[in-house]
Protein backbone atom coordinates (compact mmCIF):
# COMPACT_ATOMS: atom_id res chain seq x y z
CA ARG A 1 -0.14 0.36 0.05
CA THR A 2 1.44 3.38 -1.08
CA VAL A 3 0.29 6.58 0.98
CA LEU A 4 1.25 9.92 0.11
CA ILE A 5 3.35 12.06 2.08
CA PRO A 6 2.52 15.94 1.28
CA GLU A 7 4.69 17.37 -1.46
CA LEU A 8 7.60 19.64 -0.20
CA ARG A 9 9.19 22.57 -1.66
CA LYS A 10 12.66 23.99 -1.36
CA ASN A 11 14.27 26.42 -2.87
CA VAL A 12 18.28 25.45 -3.68
CA THR A 13 20.65 27.38 -5.45
CA ALA A 14 23.95 26.47 -7.55
CA ASN A 15 25.64 24.96 -4.17
CA MET A 16 24.47 21.56 -2.73
CA THR A 17 21.66 21.75 -0.64
CA GLN A 18 20.91 18.93 2.10
CA ILE A 19 17.69 17.46 1.95
CA LYS A 20 16.96 15.39 5.15
CA ILE A 21 14.14 12.17 3.98
CA PRO A 22 11.94 11.11 6.58
CA ASN A 23 12.62 7.09 7.42
CA SER A 24 8.87 6.63 6.75
CA ALA A 25 9.90 7.55 3.17
CA ARG A 26 10.49 4.91 1.21
CA ARG A 27 10.36 6.63 -2.50
CA VAL A 28 11.33 10.03 -3.66
CA THR A 29 10.26 11.81 -6.54
CA ILE A 30 12.36 15.16 -7.13
CA GLY A 31 12.31 17.46 -10.24
CA SER A 32 11.52 21.12 -10.74
CA GLN A 33 9.53 23.47 -13.39
CA ASP A 34 12.13 26.04 -13.58
CA GLN A 35 15.76 24.75 -13.68
CA GLN A 36 17.72 21.87 -14.37
CA LEU A 37 18.60 20.05 -11.35
CA TYR A 38 21.85 17.84 -10.02
CA LEU A 39 21.04 14.90 -7.41
CA ALA A 40 23.95 13.51 -5.42
CA THR A 41 24.11 10.94 -2.56
CA ASN A 42 27.34 10.22 -2.15
CA GLY A 43 30.31 12.57 -2.33
CA ALA A 44 28.16 16.16 -1.82
CA ALA A 45 28.15 18.34 1.40
CA ASP A 46 25.69 20.76 2.10
CA GLY A 47 26.33 24.25 1.04
CA GLU A 48 29.55 22.97 -1.88
CA SER A 49 29.82 22.71 -5.27
CA PRO A 50 28.04 19.68 -6.83
CA PRO A 51 30.23 16.51 -7.04
CA THR A 52 31.86 15.07 -10.01
CA HIS A 53 29.54 11.88 -10.10
CA LYS A 54 26.05 13.71 -10.09
CA ALA A 55 22.76 13.23 -11.43
CA PHE A 56 21.01 15.67 -13.59
CA ILE A 57 17.42 15.95 -14.15
CA PRO A 58 16.12 17.82 -17.09
CA LYS A 59 13.99 21.17 -16.69
CA SER A 60 10.28 20.25 -16.24
CA ASN A 61 10.89 16.32 -15.63
CA TYR A 62 10.67 14.82 -12.49
CA LEU A 63 13.23 11.46 -11.00
CA SER A 64 12.04 8.93 -8.90
CA ILE A 65 14.61 7.10 -6.29
CA ASN A 66 13.75 4.33 -4.18
CA MET A 67 15.69 4.90 -0.61
CA GLY A 68 16.23 1.40 0.15
CA ARG A 69 16.30 -0.08 3.65
CA GLY A 70 17.94 -0.62 6.62
CA ASN A 71 21.74 -0.05 6.08
CA ASN A 72 21.38 0.59 2.74
CA ARG A 73 19.09 3.66 3.33
CA ASN A 74 20.55 7.36 2.86
CA SER A 75 18.72 9.45 5.38
CA TYR A 76 19.72 12.29 2.81
CA ILE A 77 19.77 13.87 -0.65
CA TYR A 78 21.79 16.63 -1.72
CA VAL A 79 20.15 19.09 -4.62
CA SER A 80 21.40 22.04 -6.50
CA SER A 81 20.38 23.73 -9.41
CA ALA A 82 22.65 24.20 -12.63
CA ALA A 83 21.89 27.67 -12.73
CA THR A 84 21.47 30.66 -9.97
CA SER A 85 18.61 29.09 -8.07
CA ALA A 86 15.48 26.98 -8.12
CA GLU A 87 12.03 25.78 -6.80
CA VAL A 88 12.67 22.38 -6.27
CA SER A 89 9.07 19.62 -5.81
CA LEU A 90 9.74 16.35 -3.78
CA ILE A 91 7.17 13.97 -3.43
CA LEU A 92 7.67 11.73 -0.64
CA GLU A 93 5.40 8.02 -0.47
CA GLU A 94 6.03 5.32 1.97
CA GLU A 95 4.93 1.89 1.08
């Protein structure tokens, strides 16, 4: 059974922004209507430039990520805008 957790909106800049994902969220869907985004889970730090190994999400698109369980789960994701700033939409789902 999938239960939708209310959508979050977050403003991000060209530097990585750390976003804590609630333990109950098993899937995160992320995107921006305004700008291309960069996404990282490893090798990123809050307030720093995007790392070399990152995913990108094209403008006006979403990317869905399974967060994993137990020791395989990341509690944080790191997001930045490819340009100056962007409003990011996050949809959190629990199973």
